Protein backbone atom coordinates (compact mmCIF):
# COMPACT_ATOMS: atom_id res chain seq x y z
CA UNK A 1 69.60 37.60 -21.88
CA UNK A 2 71.03 36.45 -18.54
CA UNK A 3 74.80 36.95 -18.72
CA UNK A 4 75.36 33.51 -17.17
CA UNK A 5 73.44 31.78 -19.97
CA UNK A 6 75.72 30.61 -22.75
CA UNK A 7 75.36 29.33 -26.29
CA UNK A 8 77.79 26.73 -27.57
CA UNK A 9 78.59 24.82 -30.75
CA UNK A 10 77.83 21.11 -30.31
CA UNK A 11 79.00 18.23 -32.49
CA UNK A 12 76.57 15.30 -32.53
CA UNK A 13 77.70 11.86 -33.70
CA UNK A 14 74.79 9.90 -35.18
CA UNK A 15 71.30 10.76 -36.44
CA UNK A 16 69.29 7.87 -35.09
CA UNK A 17 66.53 8.59 -32.58
CA UNK A 18 69.02 9.74 -29.92
CA UNK A 19 70.87 12.05 -32.31
CA UNK A 20 67.66 13.59 -33.64
CA UNK A 21 66.10 14.34 -30.25
CA UNK A 22 69.43 15.71 -28.98
CA UNK A 23 69.67 18.01 -31.99
CA UNK A 24 66.09 19.21 -31.52
CA UNK A 25 66.52 19.95 -27.80
CA UNK A 26 69.84 21.74 -28.32
CA UNK A 27 68.36 23.91 -31.08
CA UNK A 28 65.44 24.85 -28.84
CA UNK A 29 67.99 26.09 -26.30
CA UNK A 30 69.60 28.24 -29.00
CA UNK A 31 72.79 26.24 -29.50
CA UNK A 32 74.60 25.77 -32.81
CA UNK A 33 74.74 22.13 -33.91
CA UNK A 34 76.25 19.89 -36.55
CA UNK A 35 75.28 16.22 -36.84
CA UNK A 36 77.53 13.64 -38.48
CA UNK A 37 75.71 10.60 -39.93
CA UNK A 38 77.71 7.91 -41.71
CA UNK A 39 74.74 6.57 -43.71
CA UNK A 40 72.65 8.42 -46.27
CA UNK A 41 69.47 8.48 -44.16
CA UNK A 42 68.24 9.05 -40.63
CA UNK A 43 66.85 6.30 -38.44
CA UNK A 44 69.94 4.42 -37.32
CA UNK A 45 69.32 0.79 -36.35
CA UNK A 46 65.75 0.68 -37.65
CA UNK A 47 66.82 1.15 -41.26
CA UNK A 48 69.15 -1.86 -41.01
CA UNK A 49 67.33 -4.38 -38.80
CA UNK A 50 65.36 -7.38 -40.05
CA UNK A 51 62.58 -6.05 -42.24
CA UNK A 52 59.73 -7.98 -40.65
CA UNK A 53 60.60 -6.55 -37.25
CA UNK A 54 57.87 -5.03 -35.08
CA UNK A 55 58.38 -2.95 -31.94
CA UNK A 56 57.77 -4.42 -28.50
CA UNK A 57 56.65 -1.08 -27.06
CA UNK A 58 53.51 0.66 -28.27
CA UNK A 59 53.78 3.98 -30.00
CA UNK A 60 52.27 5.65 -26.93
CA UNK A 61 55.27 4.70 -24.81
CA UNK A 62 57.86 4.98 -27.58
CA UNK A 63 56.99 8.39 -29.02
CA UNK A 64 58.66 11.58 -27.89
CA UNK A 65 56.73 13.79 -25.48
CA UNK A 66 55.84 16.59 -27.90
CA UNK A 67 55.37 14.78 -31.23
CA UNK A 68 52.68 12.18 -31.89
CA UNK A 69 53.42 11.70 -35.57
CA UNK A 70 51.06 12.02 -38.51
CA UNK A 71 48.52 9.45 -37.31
CA UNK A 72 46.24 11.27 -34.86
CA UNK A 73 44.17 8.10 -34.25
CA UNK A 74 47.13 6.33 -32.70
CA UNK A 75 46.39 7.90 -29.29
CA UNK A 76 42.96 6.26 -29.08
CA UNK A 77 43.91 3.17 -31.11
CA UNK A 78 47.54 2.50 -30.14
CA UNK A 79 49.57 -0.28 -31.69
CA UNK A 80 53.09 -1.52 -32.17
CA UNK A 81 54.82 0.07 -35.15
CA UNK A 82 56.99 -1.90 -37.53
CA UNK A 83 60.64 -0.89 -37.80
CA UNK A 84 59.86 0.66 -41.19
CA UNK A 85 56.97 2.69 -39.71
CA UNK A 86 59.16 3.93 -36.87
CA UNK A 87 61.83 5.01 -39.37
CA UNK A 88 59.10 7.06 -41.05
CA UNK A 89 58.12 8.53 -37.66
CA UNK A 90 61.71 9.70 -37.16
CA UNK A 91 61.72 11.22 -40.64
CA UNK A 92 58.45 13.01 -39.87
CA UNK A 93 59.97 14.22 -36.57
CA UNK A 94 62.97 15.61 -38.43
CA UNK A 95 60.71 17.35 -40.96
CA UNK A 96 58.40 18.75 -38.29
CA UNK A 97 61.20 20.35 -36.30
CA UNK A 98 63.32 21.28 -39.37
CA UNK A 99 66.29 19.17 -38.35
CA UNK A 100 67.64 17.80 -41.65
CA UNK A 101 69.49 20.98 -42.62
CA UNK A 102 71.84 20.43 -39.65
CA UNK A 103 72.75 16.84 -40.61
CA UNK A 104 75.79 15.96 -42.73
CA UNK A 105 74.97 12.61 -44.32
CA UNK A 106 77.56 10.06 -45.44
CA UNK A 107 80.09 11.62 -43.08
CA UNK A 108 81.67 9.01 -40.84
CA UNK A 109 83.65 10.36 -37.92
CA UNK A 110 87.19 9.03 -38.13
CA UNK A 111 88.67 10.74 -35.09
CA UNK A 112 87.49 12.72 -32.06
CA UNK A 113 89.88 14.36 -29.63
CA UNK A 114 90.28 17.35 -27.33
CA UNK A 115 92.67 20.15 -28.19
CA UNK A 116 93.70 21.33 -24.73
CA UNK A 117 95.54 24.38 -26.11
CA UNK A 118 92.24 25.79 -27.39
CA UNK A 119 90.02 23.94 -24.90
CA UNK A 120 87.98 22.73 -27.88
CA UNK A 121 86.87 19.37 -29.28
CA UNK A 122 88.00 18.38 -32.77
CA UNK A 123 86.41 16.01 -35.28
CA UNK A 124 88.05 14.59 -38.40
CA UNK A 125 85.95 12.73 -40.98
CA UNK A 126 86.92 9.68 -43.02
CA UNK A 127 86.25 11.35 -46.37
CA UNK A 128 87.30 14.91 -45.55
CA UNK A 129 90.56 16.42 -44.32
CA UNK A 130 88.73 19.41 -42.82
CA UNK A 131 88.82 19.52 -39.03
CA UNK A 132 85.61 20.60 -37.30
CA UNK A 133 85.81 22.42 -33.97
CA UNK A 134 83.22 22.24 -31.16
CA UNK A 135 82.65 23.37 -27.59
CA UNK A 136 80.66 20.28 -26.64
CA UNK A 137 80.19 16.74 -28.00
CA UNK A 138 77.13 14.47 -27.89
CA UNK A 139 77.82 10.82 -28.64
CA UNK A 140 74.58 9.41 -30.08
CA UNK A 141 75.94 6.54 -32.16
CA UNK A 142 73.88 3.93 -30.31
CA UNK A 143 74.82 0.56 -28.91
CA UNK A 144 74.24 -1.47 -32.07
CA UNK A 145 77.43 -0.87 -33.99
CA UNK A 146 79.57 -3.61 -32.42
CA UNK A 147 77.99 -7.05 -32.12
CA UNK A 148 78.53 -9.23 -29.08
CA UNK A 149 79.34 -12.74 -30.27
CA UNK A 150 79.91 -15.61 -27.83
CA UNK A 151 82.81 -17.98 -28.35
CA UNK A 152 81.76 -21.62 -28.08
CA UNK A 153 83.99 -24.51 -27.12
CA UNK A 154 85.32 -26.29 -30.25
CA UNK A 155 83.75 -23.61 -32.43
CA UNK A 156 86.43 -24.20 -35.08
CA UNK A 157 85.07 -27.70 -35.67
CA UNK A 158 81.55 -26.56 -36.57
CA UNK A 159 80.88 -26.63 -40.33
CA UNK A 160 77.53 -24.89 -40.21
CA UNK A 161 77.04 -21.12 -40.07
CA UNK A 162 77.21 -18.99 -36.94
CA UNK A 163 75.50 -15.64 -37.38
CA UNK A 164 74.52 -12.68 -35.27
CA UNK A 165 70.98 -11.36 -35.24
CA UNK A 166 72.23 -8.27 -37.09
CA UNK A 167 72.97 -10.44 -40.14
CA UNK A 168 69.36 -11.63 -40.48
CA UNK A 169 67.22 -9.63 -42.90
CA UNK A 170 64.26 -11.89 -43.74
CA UNK A 171 62.59 -14.73 -41.84
CA UNK A 172 62.46 -16.77 -45.02
CA UNK A 173 66.23 -17.24 -44.64
CA UNK A 174 65.40 -20.07 -42.21
CA UNK A 175 63.50 -22.10 -44.79
CA UNK A 176 64.23 -25.86 -44.63
CA UNK A 177 67.02 -25.40 -42.08
CA UNK A 178 67.63 -26.76 -38.60
CA UNK A 179 68.34 -23.65 -36.54
CA UNK A 180 69.44 -22.94 -32.97
CA UNK A 181 68.59 -19.52 -31.56
CA UNK A 182 70.77 -18.38 -28.65
CA UNK A 183 69.18 -15.91 -26.22
CA UNK A 184 65.83 -15.09 -24.65
CA UNK A 185 65.37 -11.40 -25.37
CA UNK A 186 62.80 -9.81 -27.64
CA UNK A 187 64.72 -10.34 -30.88
CA UNK A 188 65.44 -13.95 -29.95
CA UNK A 189 61.70 -14.36 -29.42
CA UNK A 190 61.06 -13.16 -32.98
CA UNK A 191 63.82 -15.36 -34.36
CA UNK A 192 62.70 -18.60 -32.71
CA UNK A 193 59.13 -18.21 -33.97
CA UNK A 194 60.42 -17.50 -37.48
CA UNK A 195 62.74 -20.54 -37.27
CA UNK A 196 59.83 -22.69 -36.08
CA UNK A 197 57.55 -21.44 -38.86
CA UNK A 198 59.98 -21.69 -41.75
CA UNK A 199 62.62 -24.18 -40.63
CA UNK A 200 62.72 -27.96 -40.30
CA UNK A 201 63.59 -27.83 -36.61
CA UNK A 202 64.21 -25.03 -34.15
CA UNK A 203 66.02 -25.01 -30.81
CA UNK A 204 65.99 -22.17 -28.29
CA UNK A 205 69.11 -22.15 -26.11
CA UNK A 206 68.62 -20.28 -22.83
CA UNK A 207 71.58 -20.33 -20.45
CA UNK A 208 69.75 -19.24 -17.29
CA UNK A 209 66.37 -17.57 -16.76
CA UNK A 210 64.52 -15.97 -19.64
CA UNK A 211 63.30 -12.39 -19.36
CA UNK A 212 59.93 -11.65 -17.76
CA UNK A 213 57.57 -12.53 -20.61
CA UNK A 214 54.96 -9.96 -21.60
CA UNK A 215 52.92 -10.34 -24.81
CA UNK A 216 52.85 -7.50 -27.32
CA UNK A 217 49.07 -7.32 -27.02
CA UNK A 218 46.56 -7.95 -24.24
CA UNK A 219 44.15 -10.74 -25.26
CA UNK A 220 44.90 -10.01 -28.92
CA UNK A 221 45.21 -6.64 -30.64
CA UNK A 222 41.51 -5.83 -30.08
CA UNK A 223 42.27 -4.85 -26.47
CA UNK A 224 45.39 -2.89 -27.27
CA UNK A 225 49.10 -3.23 -26.50
CA UNK A 226 50.09 -4.94 -23.27
CA UNK A 227 52.26 -2.02 -22.20
CA UNK A 228 49.19 0.15 -21.63
CA UNK A 229 49.47 -1.05 -18.02
CA UNK A 230 52.99 0.42 -17.85
CA UNK A 231 51.49 3.12 -15.67
CA UNK A 232 52.72 5.31 -12.83
CA UNK A 233 50.73 3.34 -10.23
CA UNK A 234 52.04 0.04 -11.60
CA UNK A 235 55.66 1.14 -11.62
CA UNK A 236 55.36 2.75 -8.19
CA UNK A 237 54.79 -0.67 -6.57
CA UNK A 238 57.67 -1.10 -4.06
CA UNK A 239 60.48 -3.13 -5.63
CA UNK A 240 61.04 -5.18 -2.46
CA UNK A 241 57.62 -6.81 -2.98
CA UNK A 242 58.32 -8.07 -6.48
CA UNK A 243 57.52 -11.73 -5.78
CA UNK A 244 54.13 -10.95 -4.23
CA UNK A 245 53.35 -8.46 -6.98
CA UNK A 246 54.24 -11.00 -9.65
CA UNK A 247 51.95 -13.62 -8.09
CA UNK A 248 49.06 -11.14 -7.89
CA UNK A 249 49.65 -9.89 -11.44
CA UNK A 250 49.93 -13.37 -12.97
CA UNK A 251 46.95 -14.78 -11.04
CA UNK A 252 44.88 -11.75 -12.10
CA UNK A 253 45.84 -12.40 -15.74
CA UNK A 254 44.98 -16.10 -15.45
CA UNK A 255 41.56 -15.37 -13.93
CA UNK A 256 40.76 -12.87 -16.70
CA UNK A 257 41.88 -15.35 -19.35
CA UNK A 258 39.70 -18.16 -18.01
CA UNK A 259 36.68 -15.85 -17.47
CA UNK A 260 37.01 -14.51 -21.00
CA UNK A 261 37.11 -18.07 -22.30
CA UNK A 262 34.13 -19.14 -20.20
CA UNK A 263 31.86 -16.13 -20.80
CA UNK A 264 32.66 -14.98 -24.31
CA UNK A 265 34.05 -18.10 -26.02
CA UNK A 266 31.73 -20.81 -24.67
CA UNK A 267 34.55 -22.51 -22.84
CA UNK A 268 36.87 -22.75 -25.86
CA UNK A 269 40.39 -21.40 -25.61
CA UNK A 270 41.92 -19.66 -28.60
CA UNK A 271 45.54 -20.16 -29.63
CA UNK A 272 46.28 -16.78 -28.08
CA UNK A 273 44.76 -17.90 -24.75
CA UNK A 274 46.95 -20.99 -24.71
CA UNK A 275 50.09 -19.00 -25.47
CA UNK A 276 49.24 -16.34 -22.87
CA UNK A 277 48.69 -18.93 -20.12
CA UNK A 278 51.87 -20.80 -21.05
CA UNK A 279 53.81 -17.54 -20.75
CA UNK A 280 52.30 -16.90 -17.31
CA UNK A 281 53.30 -20.36 -16.11
CA UNK A 282 56.82 -19.84 -17.49
CA UNK A 283 57.09 -16.60 -15.50
CA UNK A 284 55.80 -18.28 -12.34
CA UNK A 285 58.20 -21.19 -12.73
CA UNK A 286 61.24 -18.93 -12.22
CA UNK A 287 59.64 -16.41 -9.83
CA UNK A 288 62.14 -17.00 -7.02
CA UNK A 289 65.06 -15.86 -9.19
CA UNK A 290 63.31 -13.60 -11.74
CA UNK A 291 60.21 -11.66 -10.84
CA UNK A 292 58.73 -8.64 -12.60
CA UNK A 293 61.12 -6.16 -10.90
CA UNK A 294 64.35 -8.17 -10.78
CA UNK A 295 64.90 -8.91 -14.46
CA UNK A 296 64.54 -7.36 -17.89
CA UNK A 297 61.30 -7.78 -19.77
CA UNK A 298 60.94 -9.96 -22.82
CA UNK A 299 58.06 -7.89 -24.16
CA UNK A 300 57.34 -10.40 -26.88
CA UNK A 301 55.70 -13.78 -26.29
CA UNK A 302 56.70 -15.20 -29.68
CA UNK A 303 59.08 -17.60 -27.96
CA UNK A 304 56.11 -19.03 -26.03
CA UNK A 305 54.07 -19.27 -29.23
CA UNK A 306 56.92 -21.11 -30.92
CA UNK A 307 57.22 -23.65 -28.07
CA UNK A 308 53.43 -24.16 -27.77
CA UNK A 309 52.22 -23.97 -31.35
CA UNK A 310 55.15 -25.79 -32.95
CA UNK A 311 55.89 -28.24 -30.15
CA UNK A 312 56.58 -31.01 -32.66
CA UNK A 313 59.62 -29.21 -34.07
CA UNK A 314 60.55 -26.42 -31.65
CA UNK A 315 62.31 -27.20 -28.38
CA UNK A 316 63.79 -25.28 -25.46
CA UNK A 317 67.37 -26.27 -24.63
CA UNK A 318 69.92 -25.33 -21.98
CA UNK A 319 73.12 -23.39 -22.69
CA UNK A 320 75.57 -24.59 -25.32
CA UNK A 321 78.33 -26.76 -23.86
CA UNK A 322 80.36 -27.33 -27.02
CA UNK A 323 80.14 -27.67 -30.80
CA UNK A 324 80.89 -30.64 -33.01
CA UNK A 325 81.18 -30.84 -36.78
CA UNK A 326 77.45 -30.64 -37.50
CA UNK A 327 75.87 -30.57 -34.07
CA UNK A 328 75.58 -28.90 -30.68
CA UNK A 329 76.15 -30.49 -27.29
CA UNK A 330 74.01 -28.67 -24.72
CA UNK A 331 74.64 -28.37 -20.97
CA UNK A 332 72.19 -31.24 -20.31
CA UNK A 333 74.44 -33.38 -22.59
CA UNK A 334 71.77 -33.72 -25.27
CA UNK A 335 72.97 -33.45 -28.86
CA UNK A 336 71.15 -31.82 -31.77
CA UNK A 337 72.15 -31.47 -35.42
CA UNK A 338 71.85 -27.93 -36.77
CA UNK A 339 72.66 -26.00 -39.94
CA UNK A 340 72.86 -22.56 -38.37
CA UNK A 341 73.33 -20.93 -34.99
CA UNK A 342 71.82 -17.45 -34.63
CA UNK A 343 73.24 -15.49 -31.70
CA UNK A 344 70.75 -12.99 -30.28
CA UNK A 345 73.34 -11.99 -27.73
CA UNK A 346 73.20 -8.23 -27.95
CA UNK A 347 75.81 -5.62 -28.70
CA UNK A 348 78.85 -4.06 -27.10
CA UNK A 349 79.42 -0.34 -26.72
CA UNK A 350 82.12 0.74 -29.13
CA UNK A 351 83.59 4.17 -29.92
CA UNK A 352 86.27 3.53 -32.59
CA UNK A 353 86.55 7.24 -33.43
CA UNK A 354 88.23 7.67 -30.02
CA UNK A 355 89.64 4.20 -29.35
CA UNK A 356 91.47 4.09 -32.71
CA UNK A 357 92.19 7.80 -32.97
CA UNK A 358 95.80 8.86 -33.48
CA UNK A 359 95.02 12.29 -32.04
CA UNK A 360 93.15 11.23 -28.88
CA UNK A 361 95.35 11.16 -25.77
CA UNK A 362 95.60 8.24 -23.36
CA UNK A 363 93.42 9.98 -20.77
CA UNK A 364 90.53 10.34 -23.22
CA UNK A 365 90.94 6.73 -24.33
CA UNK A 366 90.81 5.63 -20.69
CA UNK A 367 87.64 7.63 -20.12
CA UNK A 368 85.89 6.29 -23.22
CA UNK A 369 86.81 2.76 -22.19
CA UNK A 370 85.21 3.39 -18.79
CA UNK A 371 82.17 4.90 -20.52
CA UNK A 372 81.43 1.55 -22.16
CA UNK A 373 79.98 0.52 -18.80
CA UNK A 374 77.00 2.81 -19.06
CA UNK A 375 75.87 2.72 -15.43
CA UNK A 376 79.29 3.97 -14.34
CA UNK A 377 78.53 7.29 -16.02
CA UNK A 378 76.64 9.91 -14.04
CA UNK A 379 72.99 9.24 -14.93
CA UNK A 380 74.25 7.02 -17.79
CA UNK A 381 75.45 10.17 -19.59
CA UNK A 382 78.33 12.08 -18.03
CA UNK A 383 81.87 11.01 -17.11
CA UNK A 384 82.91 12.95 -13.98
CA UNK A 385 86.36 13.72 -15.44
CA UNK A 386 84.95 15.71 -18.38
CA UNK A 387 81.67 16.99 -16.97
CA UNK A 388 79.23 18.36 -19.54
CA UNK A 389 81.90 18.72 -22.25
CA UNK A 390 80.97 15.31 -23.64
CA UNK A 391 77.70 13.46 -23.15
CA UNK A 392 76.62 9.92 -24.03
CA UNK A 393 72.92 9.88 -25.00
CA UNK A 394 70.91 6.73 -25.63
CA UNK A 395 72.93 4.31 -23.51
CA UNK A 396 70.30 3.52 -20.85
CA UNK A 397 68.02 0.53 -21.35
CA UNK A 398 64.91 0.19 -19.17
CA UNK A 399 64.15 -3.28 -17.82
CA UNK A 400 60.50 -2.62 -18.73
CA UNK A 401 59.55 0.35 -20.88
CA UNK A 402 60.86 2.07 -24.03
CA UNK A 403 64.28 3.56 -24.72
CA UNK A 404 63.47 6.72 -26.80
CA UNK A 405 61.64 8.56 -23.96
CA UNK A 406 64.77 8.19 -21.81
CA UNK A 407 66.82 9.64 -24.67
CA UNK A 408 64.53 12.67 -24.79
CA UNK A 409 64.97 13.39 -21.08
CA UNK A 410 68.74 12.94 -21.39
CA UNK A 411 68.81 15.34 -24.34
CA UNK A 412 66.75 17.96 -22.48
CA UNK A 413 69.10 17.74 -19.50
CA UNK A 414 72.23 18.02 -21.67
CA UNK A 415 70.81 21.03 -23.54
CA UNK A 416 70.20 22.84 -20.25
CA UNK A 417 73.70 21.96 -19.03
CA UNK A 418 75.13 23.42 -22.24
CA UNK A 419 73.15 26.62 -21.60
CA UNK A 420 74.48 26.80 -18.03
CA UNK A 421 70.87 26.82 -16.76
CA UNK A 422 71.68 23.63 -14.86
CA UNK A 423 74.96 22.66 -13.25
CA UNK A 424 76.53 19.34 -12.44
CA UNK A 425 77.53 18.37 -8.89
CA UNK A 426 81.22 18.29 -8.05
CA UNK A 427 83.27 15.38 -9.32
CA UNK A 428 83.37 13.75 -5.87
CA UNK A 429 79.59 14.10 -5.48
CA UNK A 430 79.02 12.57 -8.91
CA UNK A 431 81.23 9.62 -8.03
CA UNK A 432 79.33 9.09 -4.77
CA UNK A 433 75.99 9.23 -6.55
CA UNK A 434 77.17 6.81 -9.24
CA UNK A 435 78.27 4.33 -6.56
CA UNK A 436 74.96 4.67 -4.73
CA UNK A 437 73.01 4.24 -7.99
CA UNK A 438 74.87 1.08 -9.04
CA UNK A 439 74.35 -0.45 -5.59
CA UNK A 440 70.64 0.28 -5.90
CA UNK A 441 70.51 -1.37 -9.35
CA UNK A 442 72.30 -4.44 -8.00
CA UNK A 443 69.81 -4.65 -5.14
CA UNK A 444 66.83 -4.47 -7.49
CA UNK A 445 68.03 -6.20 -10.67
CA UNK A 446 70.69 -8.50 -9.11
CA UNK A 447 74.46 -8.08 -9.62
CA UNK A 448 74.41 -10.81 -12.31
CA UNK A 449 72.11 -8.84 -14.61
CA UNK A 450 73.55 -5.41 -13.85
CA UNK A 451 77.10 -6.56 -14.56
CA UNK A 452 76.03 -8.40 -17.73
CA UNK A 453 73.76 -5.65 -19.14
CA UNK A 454 75.51 -2.51 -17.95
CA UNK A 455 72.95 -0.16 -19.53
CA UNK A 456 70.04 -1.67 -17.58
CA UNK A 457 67.93 0.68 -15.47
CA UNK A 458 64.47 1.09 -13.96
CA UNK A 459 62.11 2.98 -16.28
CA UNK A 460 60.06 5.11 -13.86
CA UNK A 461 62.75 5.66 -11.25
CA UNK A 462 65.26 6.80 -13.89
CA UNK A 463 62.69 8.97 -15.74
CA UNK A 464 61.57 10.67 -12.54
CA UNK A 465 65.17 11.17 -11.42
CA UNK A 466 66.02 13.00 -14.65
CA UNK A 467 62.76 14.97 -14.60
CA UNK A 468 63.49 16.15 -11.05
CA UNK A 469 66.93 17.26 -12.20
CA UNK A 470 65.46 19.11 -15.19
CA UNK A 471 62.58 20.55 -13.16
CA UNK A 472 59.82 19.05 -15.31
CA UNK A 473 58.30 16.45 -12.97
CA UNK A 474 54.61 17.36 -12.44
CA UNK A 475 53.26 18.31 -9.02
CA UNK A 476 50.89 15.37 -8.61
CA UNK A 477 49.48 16.61 -5.31
CA UNK A 478 48.43 19.93 -6.83
CA UNK A 479 46.97 18.22 -9.93
CA UNK A 480 44.96 15.86 -7.68
CA UNK A 481 43.07 18.83 -6.22
CA UNK A 482 42.87 21.04 -9.31
CA UNK A 483 42.48 18.60 -12.25
CA UNK A 484 41.31 15.20 -10.99
CA UNK A 485 40.56 13.85 -14.47
CA UNK A 486 44.11 14.62 -15.58
CA UNK A 487 45.47 13.17 -12.32
CA UNK A 488 43.77 9.80 -12.81
CA UNK A 489 45.17 9.55 -16.36
CA UNK A 490 48.63 10.51 -15.11
CA UNK A 491 48.52 7.82 -12.45
CA UNK A 492 46.62 5.01 -14.19
CA UNK A 493 47.21 5.76 -17.87
CA UNK A 494 50.33 4.73 -19.81
CA UNK A 495 53.64 6.34 -18.85
CA UNK A 496 53.87 8.87 -21.66
CA UNK A 497 56.75 11.31 -21.94
CA UNK A 498 54.07 13.97 -22.33
CA UNK A 499 53.91 13.83 -18.49
CA UNK A 500 57.18 15.73 -18.49
CA UNK A 501 55.91 18.44 -20.85
CA UNK A 502 53.26 19.71 -18.41
CA UNK A 503 55.71 22.00 -16.62
CA UNK A 504 59.36 23.02 -16.53
CA UNK A 505 61.71 24.13 -19.32
CA UNK A 506 60.13 23.97 -22.79
CA UNK A 507 56.81 22.85 -21.33
CA UNK A 508 53.89 22.47 -23.73
CA UNK A 509 51.03 22.04 -21.25
CA UNK A 510 48.10 22.39 -23.67
CA UNK A 511 49.52 19.82 -26.09
CA UNK A 512 50.65 17.54 -23.25
CA UNK A 513 47.22 17.53 -21.58
CA UNK A 514 45.53 16.75 -24.88
CA UNK A 515 47.87 13.80 -25.49
CA UNK A 516 47.46 12.43 -21.96
CA UNK A 517 43.66 12.74 -21.91
CA UNK A 518 43.21 11.23 -25.39
CA UNK A 519 45.58 8.30 -24.86
CA UNK A 520 43.90 4.93 -24.40
CA UNK A 521 44.27 3.24 -21.03
CA UNK A 522 43.26 -0.12 -19.57
CA UNK A 523 41.25 0.27 -16.41
CA UNK A 524 41.05 -3.09 -14.65
CA UNK A 525 44.74 -3.85 -13.96
CA UNK A 526 45.60 -0.24 -13.19
CA UNK A 527 42.72 0.14 -10.73
CA UNK A 528 44.05 -3.03 -9.06
CA UNK A 529 47.58 -1.56 -8.95
CA UNK A 530 46.13 1.68 -7.55
CA UNK A 531 44.56 -0.08 -4.57
CA UNK A 532 47.68 -2.18 -4.05
CA UNK A 533 49.74 1.00 -3.98
CA UNK A 534 47.43 2.59 -1.40
CA UNK A 535 47.92 -0.47 0.84
CA UNK A 536 51.72 -0.28 0.56
CA UNK A 537 51.69 3.49 1.17
CA UNK A 538 49.53 2.97 4.29
CA UNK A 539 52.05 0.59 5.86
CA UNK A 540 54.89 2.97 4.99
CA UNK A 541 53.18 6.15 6.25
CA UNK A 542 51.55 4.69 9.36
CA UNK A 543 54.00 2.02 10.48
CA UNK A 544 57.18 3.30 8.84
CA UNK A 545 57.91 0.03 7.00
CA UNK A 546 60.63 1.14 4.61
CA UNK A 547 60.14 -1.74 2.16
CA UNK A 548 56.58 -0.47 1.54
CA UNK A 549 57.68 2.99 0.42
CA UNK A 550 56.32 3.48 -3.13
CA UNK A 551 58.98 3.69 -5.81
CA UNK A 552 59.67 7.08 -7.43
CA UNK A 553 57.72 8.98 -4.75
CA UNK A 554 61.06 10.25 -3.53
CA UNK A 555 64.51 10.98 -5.04
CA UNK A 556 66.74 7.92 -5.40
């Protein structure tokens, strides 16, 4: 073995999807690991969320790059898994890679600190006085532990209930109630439709723009999940041309919708058609401030269905101005009586095992406080003051795309850092790159969104950046000449994490090719994106127009 390669003992906090994939990648690099999980099962958030919840990313995009799961047909017949099904997928993943023996269940971490005399990290549990010692720490506790609740003016006067999304278990809880849903993300979209279906009246309070609305399925589930057009060619469209791209994309969708209605449905629109068109018009209405590249995606058109299908009792409202005893005054000065307010306002990063630790020093507490702003970490993972000694995994949220594939790339990178096969830049270089990265995010996603959702990133650009660092980004030029069939699926098929298993450390090229070639893809939109991309690339290569340079074709 190379004398520079090292093996370390890593403590992992949490056994949700980020903790599991981190454990698996560290074990494959030969490291010793212990996982601390405060519950009695793996799965994290998905074992606790509302039980009727369904993913907004298809299993193709959500799955890890080297594990399909036990349903082989899901590559050719992809769908959105329920939260319960995804929990089972994580259990199957843990069984397949023999991970459970390394997990200590019902062990909540009480305190984490660094012992500088030994240059080791120490963990103390709530129910155990034994102190565990580690060389490295992976924080994989997720972003869903600490709810983010708004404070409304005159909130103390309100006699109804104010809840967070996390407190909702069943949609039937809304039965016979007048409910106001606050937020316009994917969970809010589920909640407003449930409130419209089961409640007396439902109000959707959106302070500013809603997210870019994408339905879960294209023209119904027969055609497959909508995110099948989350392809490399699509996400390589230059970000500076977001408004034009949005117009072309939405007009293309409208034309297809009307042609489908005219040719196959004898001129009759289905409920799905009406909802899809309404969502397109909602996107177009705010295109100047929120196009496909400048905002997060609401990959769930349930909010549109609620407003269209239940227009007699479901209404969109502006932000909440103040509360009264039994009612809400909105920013437009309208007043509505409600029984409950459900805040789908996200979560805040929280690390109580350091923040409230008696053993942790002030420097560590300062660093963990800074780490709450995820984009201020190097690649959303590493604080420059501690380098690869401690790594935050699972704290990057793509504007469009799925979170678990990003976790897998982060875990692979961290495992190689632990082995000393990869090295970090100097502290000053990391700080410069962080500053450059945040400025780029603010340019693309606007300072308002980046400062409000500090974990927000761009799916393809971030994935390719990490894969370049790891050394697992495929050589697309070589594949074009040697395996054209694979190349077209890589470019126009869905953005699977199997792309990053074709080469590099822990590559599984035979399995990766099989997954990529079997995976379903939608041809029409991706062929359109392909020709659009060629046009942009032409103006960049021939005339040097920088704004036409395709995204992710070059390091950030």
